[in-house]
Amino acid sequence: MKLWTGRFSKEADKITNDFNSSIGTDKRMYREDIEGSIAHATMLGIQGIISVDDADTIVAGLKTIRDEIDSGALEIDMTAEDIHTFVEGELTRRIGDAGKRLHTARSRNDQVALDIRMYLRDQADNIIRKIKELINSILLKAEEHKSSRMPGYTH
């Protein structure tokens, strides 16, 4: 599914599609995209912007898509323009028009900013955890070899 297909009378050149596509990069943010969309759909239902039934249907569909990607039962379509388009298209294919209500009161830019923020937060936490593990390993080795002699170096 391409975002701009309805605006042109013929298919865009492959080079244009490749230039506009970010799926190769943002596919790694599928969990963040789905989690943000679950929160958004829940809010839409609570606020009465969409029906609670539609919100519940959207949330259930998103959770199923996430679980199927996690398990490998569903592969991300690399011809999709981006992860948001893939998830929304898959959701709408599964649950019908209710899936189209997911973007009510939210721009694509809002969605991208949230996905990136959540992804980077999680990645920063992972990096910090790995740095702490490295420091602890170095400290253990240092403690293990605190009496070991080392040759001196002048430079």
C-alpha atoms as a PDB file:
ATOM      1  CA  MET A   1       0.000   0.000   0.000  1.00  0.00           C
ATOM      2  CA  LYS A   2       1.419   3.354  -1.064  1.00  0.00           C
ATOM      3  CA  LEU A   3       0.248   6.558   0.575  1.00  0.00           C
ATOM      4  CA  TRP A   4       0.102   8.656  -2.587  1.00  0.00           C
ATOM      5  CA  THR A   5      -1.417   6.217  -5.090  1.00  0.00           C
ATOM      6  CA  GLY A   6      -4.769   7.994  -5.258  1.00  0.00           C
ATOM      7  CA  ARG A   7      -3.235  11.310  -6.285  1.00  0.00           C
ATOM      8  CA  PHE A   8      -1.624  10.258  -9.555  1.00  0.00           C
ATOM      9  CA  SER A   9      -3.010   8.799 -12.766  1.00  0.00           C
ATOM     10  CA  LYS A  10      -0.144   6.335 -13.244  1.00  0.00           C
ATOM     11  CA  GLU A  11       2.238   4.344 -11.065  1.00  0.00           C
ATOM     12  CA  ALA A  12       5.303   6.192  -9.766  1.00  0.00           C
ATOM     13  CA  ASP A  13       8.695   5.128 -11.020  1.00  0.00           C
ATOM     14  CA  LYS A  14      10.460   2.476  -8.939  1.00  0.00           C
ATOM     15  CA  ILE A  15      13.227   4.972  -8.103  1.00  0.00           C
ATOM     16  CA  THR A  16      10.620   7.317  -6.608  1.00  0.00           C
ATOM     17  CA  ASN A  17       9.053   4.505  -4.610  1.00  0.00           C
ATOM     18  CA  ASP A  18      12.447   3.372  -3.348  1.00  0.00           C
ATOM     19  CA  PHE A  19      13.347   6.940  -2.366  1.00  0.00           C
ATOM     20  CA  ASN A  20      10.075   7.388  -0.417  1.00  0.00           C
ATOM     21  CA  SER A  21      10.183   3.982   1.256  1.00  0.00           C
ATOM     22  CA  SER A  22      11.495   3.676   4.805  1.00  0.00           C
ATOM     23  CA  ILE A  23      10.279   0.134   5.539  1.00  0.00           C
ATOM     24  CA  GLY A  24      13.821  -1.247   5.376  1.00  0.00           C
ATOM     25  CA  THR A  25      14.773   0.955   8.312  1.00  0.00           C
ATOM     26  CA  ASP A  26      11.615   1.396  10.327  1.00  0.00           C
ATOM     27  CA  LYS A  27      10.518  -2.263  10.267  1.00  0.00           C
ATOM     28  CA  ARG A  28      12.520  -2.640  13.481  1.00  0.00           C
ATOM     29  CA  MET A  29      10.052  -0.246  15.157  1.00  0.00           C
ATOM     30  CA  TYR A  30       6.975  -2.418  14.582  1.00  0.00           C
ATOM     31  CA  ARG A  31       6.477  -3.048  18.304  1.00  0.00           C
ATOM     32  CA  GLU A  32       6.670   0.648  19.143  1.00  0.00           C
ATOM     33  CA  ASP A  33       4.347   1.506  16.267  1.00  0.00           C
ATOM     34  CA  ILE A  34       1.797  -1.051  17.429  1.00  0.00           C
ATOM     35  CA  GLU A  35       2.086  -0.107  21.128  1.00  0.00           C
ATOM     36  CA  GLY A  36       1.603   3.573  20.272  1.00  0.00           C
ATOM     37  CA  SER A  37      -1.376   2.695  18.097  1.00  0.00           C
ATOM     38  CA  ILE A  38      -2.915   0.583  20.878  1.00  0.00           C
ATOM     39  CA  ALA A  39      -2.627   3.539  23.267  1.00  0.00           C
ATOM     40  CA  HIS A  40      -4.062   5.911  20.649  1.00  0.00           C
ATOM     41  CA  ALA A  41      -7.025   3.658  19.796  1.00  0.00           C
ATOM     42  CA  THR A  42      -7.750   3.174  23.495  1.00  0.00           C
ATOM     43  CA  MET A  43      -7.768   6.949  24.013  1.00  0.00           C
ATOM     44  CA  LEU A  44     -10.067   7.447  21.009  1.00  0.00           C
ATOM     45  CA  GLY A  45     -12.568   5.011  22.525  1.00  0.00           C
ATOM     46  CA  ILE A  46     -12.372   6.465  26.041  1.00  0.00           C
ATOM     47  CA  GLN A  47     -12.871  10.002  24.714  1.00  0.00           C
ATOM     48  CA  GLY A  48     -15.841   8.940  22.590  1.00  0.00           C
ATOM     49  CA  ILE A  49     -14.098   9.984  19.373  1.00  0.00           C
ATOM     50  CA  ILE A  50     -14.710   6.496  17.994  1.00  0.00           C
ATOM     51  CA  SER A  51     -16.978   3.839  19.459  1.00  0.00           C
ATOM     52  CA  VAL A  52     -15.637   1.664  22.259  1.00  0.00           C
ATOM     53  CA  ASP A  53     -16.471  -1.359  20.088  1.00  0.00           C
ATOM     54  CA  ASP A  54     -14.298  -0.021  17.257  1.00  0.00           C
ATOM     55  CA  ALA A  55     -11.496   0.808  19.710  1.00  0.00           C
ATOM     56  CA  ASP A  56     -11.652  -2.697  21.197  1.00  0.00           C
ATOM     57  CA  THR A  57     -11.659  -4.259  17.719  1.00  0.00           C
ATOM     58  CA  ILE A  58      -8.659  -2.148  16.674  1.00  0.00           C
ATOM     59  CA  VAL A  59      -6.714  -2.998  19.851  1.00  0.00           C
ATOM     60  CA  ALA A  60      -7.418  -6.726  19.492  1.00  0.00           C
ATOM     61  CA  GLY A  61      -6.367  -6.624  15.836  1.00  0.00           C
ATOM     62  CA  LEU A  62      -3.157  -4.754  16.646  1.00  0.00           C
ATOM     63  CA  LYS A  63      -2.254  -7.207  19.402  1.00  0.00           C
ATOM     64  CA  THR A  64      -2.787 -10.128  17.031  1.00  0.00           C
ATOM     65  CA  ILE A  65      -0.613  -8.508  14.359  1.00  0.00           C
ATOM     66  CA  ARG A  66       2.139  -7.827  16.934  1.00  0.00           C
ATOM     67  CA  ASP A  67       1.999 -11.400  18.229  1.00  0.00           C
ATOM     68  CA  GLU A  68       2.113 -12.835  14.705  1.00  0.00           C
ATOM     69  CA  ILE A  69       5.125 -10.699  13.758  1.00  0.00           C
ATOM     70  CA  ASP A  70       6.820 -11.723  17.026  1.00  0.00           C
ATOM     71  CA  SER A  71       6.219 -15.419  16.323  1.00  0.00           C
ATOM     72  CA  GLY A  72       7.160 -15.196  12.647  1.00  0.00           C
ATOM     73  CA  ALA A  73       3.663 -16.168  11.495  1.00  0.00           C
ATOM     74  CA  LEU A  74       3.347 -12.762   9.786  1.00  0.00           C
ATOM     75  CA  GLU A  75       6.174 -11.240   7.780  1.00  0.00           C
ATOM     76  CA  ILE A  76       6.450  -7.503   7.274  1.00  0.00           C
ATOM     77  CA  ASP A  77       5.733  -6.655   3.643  1.00  0.00           C
ATOM     78  CA  MET A  78       8.895  -5.002   2.376  1.00  0.00           C
ATOM     79  CA  THR A  79       6.960  -3.392  -0.487  1.00  0.00           C
ATOM     80  CA  ALA A  80       5.000  -1.271   2.013  1.00  0.00           C
ATOM     81  CA  GLU A  81       6.123   2.332   2.129  1.00  0.00           C
ATOM     82  CA  ASP A  82       6.746   2.299   5.893  1.00  0.00           C
ATOM     83  CA  ILE A  83       5.879   0.334   9.019  1.00  0.00           C
ATOM     84  CA  HIS A  84       2.840   2.509   9.753  1.00  0.00           C
ATOM     85  CA  THR A  85       1.351   1.861   6.319  1.00  0.00           C
ATOM     86  CA  PHE A  86       2.014  -1.868   6.671  1.00  0.00           C
ATOM     87  CA  VAL A  87       0.382  -2.126  10.106  1.00  0.00           C
ATOM     88  CA  GLU A  88      -2.628  -0.002   9.163  1.00  0.00           C
ATOM     89  CA  GLY A  89      -3.097  -1.894   5.884  1.00  0.00           C
ATOM     90  CA  GLU A  90      -2.866  -5.267   7.597  1.00  0.00           C
ATOM     91  CA  LEU A  91      -5.257  -4.112  10.321  1.00  0.00           C
ATOM     92  CA  THR A  92      -7.810  -2.789   7.824  1.00  0.00           C
ATOM     93  CA  ARG A  93      -7.544  -5.966   5.755  1.00  0.00           C
ATOM     94  CA  ARG A  94      -8.366  -7.978   8.881  1.00  0.00           C
ATOM     95  CA  ILE A  95     -11.045  -5.880  10.598  1.00  0.00           C
ATOM     96  CA  GLY A  96     -12.450  -3.720   7.813  1.00  0.00           C
ATOM     97  CA  ASP A  97     -13.279  -0.022   7.971  1.00  0.00           C
ATOM     98  CA  ALA A  98     -12.716   0.186  11.736  1.00  0.00           C
ATOM     99  CA  GLY A  99      -8.997  -0.122  10.942  1.00  0.00           C
ATOM    100  CA  LYS A 100      -9.127   3.166   9.035  1.00  0.00           C
ATOM    101  CA  ARG A 101     -10.258   4.953  12.206  1.00  0.00           C
ATOM    102  CA  LEU A 102      -6.868   4.321  13.807  1.00  0.00           C
ATOM    103  CA  HIS A 103      -5.484   7.574  12.366  1.00  0.00           C
ATOM    104  CA  THR A 104      -8.313   9.717  13.671  1.00  0.00           C
ATOM    105  CA  ALA A 105      -6.858  12.772  15.469  1.00  0.00           C
ATOM    106  CA  ARG A 106      -3.252  11.742  14.759  1.00  0.00           C
ATOM    107  CA  SER A 107      -0.928  12.744  11.958  1.00  0.00           C
ATOM    108  CA  ARG A 108       1.690  10.481  10.448  1.00  0.00           C
ATOM    109  CA  ASN A 109       4.323  12.875  11.846  1.00  0.00           C
ATOM    110  CA  ASP A 110       2.911  12.365  15.364  1.00  0.00           C
ATOM    111  CA  GLN A 111       3.138   8.633  14.855  1.00  0.00           C
ATOM    112  CA  VAL A 112       6.707   8.748  13.531  1.00  0.00           C
ATOM    113  CA  ALA A 113       7.864  10.989  16.391  1.00  0.00           C
ATOM    114  CA  LEU A 114       6.323   8.659  18.985  1.00  0.00           C
ATOM    115  CA  ASP A 115       7.762   5.513  17.382  1.00  0.00           C
ATOM    116  CA  ILE A 116      11.254   6.983  17.208  1.00  0.00           C
ATOM    117  CA  ARG A 117      11.114   8.282  20.783  1.00  0.00           C
ATOM    118  CA  MET A 118       9.940   4.920  22.153  1.00  0.00           C
ATOM    119  CA  TYR A 119      12.479   2.994  20.075  1.00  0.00           C
ATOM    120  CA  LEU A 120      15.410   5.209  21.090  1.00  0.00           C
ATOM    121  CA  ARG A 121      14.365   5.089  24.756  1.00  0.00           C
ATOM    122  CA  ASP A 122      14.390   1.294  24.655  1.00  0.00           C
ATOM    123  CA  GLN A 123      17.677   1.188  22.747  1.00  0.00           C
ATOM    124  CA  ALA A 124      19.299   3.627  25.197  1.00  0.00           C
ATOM    125  CA  ASP A 125      18.176   1.405  28.079  1.00  0.00           C
ATOM    126  CA  ASN A 126      19.716  -1.636  26.327  1.00  0.00           C
ATOM    127  CA  ILE A 127      22.986   0.211  25.695  1.00  0.00           C
ATOM    128  CA  ILE A 128      23.174   1.375  29.318  1.00  0.00           C
ATOM    129  CA  ARG A 129      22.536  -2.206  30.507  1.00  0.00           C
ATOM    130  CA  LYS A 130      25.304  -3.525  28.230  1.00  0.00           C
ATOM    131  CA  ILE A 131      27.757  -0.844  29.398  1.00  0.00           C
ATOM    132  CA  LYS A 132      27.026  -1.792  33.014  1.00  0.00           C
ATOM    133  CA  GLU A 133      27.627  -5.461  32.171  1.00  0.00           C
ATOM    134  CA  LEU A 134      30.951  -4.525  30.532  1.00  0.00           C
ATOM    135  CA  ILE A 135      32.034  -2.446  33.528  1.00  0.00           C
ATOM    136  CA  ASN A 136      31.131  -5.305  35.899  1.00  0.00           C
ATOM    137  CA  SER A 137      33.109  -7.770  33.758  1.00  0.00           C
ATOM    138  CA  ILE A 138      36.140  -5.466  33.775  1.00  0.00           C
ATOM    139  CA  LEU A 139      35.838  -5.018  37.545  1.00  0.00           C
ATOM    140  CA  LEU A 140      35.653  -8.784  38.076  1.00  0.00           C
ATOM    141  CA  LYS A 141      38.764  -9.306  35.930  1.00  0.00           C
ATOM    142  CA  ALA A 142      40.542  -6.494  37.751  1.00  0.00           C
ATOM    143  CA  GLU A 143      39.666  -8.033  41.114  1.00  0.00           C
ATOM    144  CA  GLU A 144      40.763 -11.472  39.879  1.00  0.00           C
ATOM    145  CA  HIS A 145      44.127 -10.092  38.728  1.00  0.00           C
ATOM    146  CA  LYS A 146      44.803  -7.349  41.267  1.00  0.00           C
ATOM    147  CA  SER A 147      47.997  -9.122  42.335  1.00  0.00           C
ATOM    148  CA  SER A 148      49.146  -9.980  38.829  1.00  0.00           C
ATOM    149  CA  ARG A 149      52.301  -8.280  37.672  1.00  0.00           C
ATOM    150  CA  MET A 150      52.225  -6.381  34.446  1.00  0.00           C
ATOM    151  CA  PRO A 151      55.218  -5.149  32.477  1.00  0.00           C
ATOM    152  CA  GLY A 152      55.644  -1.392  32.463  1.00  0.00           C
ATOM    153  CA  TYR A 153      55.419   0.612  29.304  1.00  0.00           C
ATOM    154  CA  THR A 154      56.904   4.033  28.700  1.00  0.00           C
ATOM    155  CA  HIS A 155      54.392   5.025  26.039  1.00  0.00           C
END
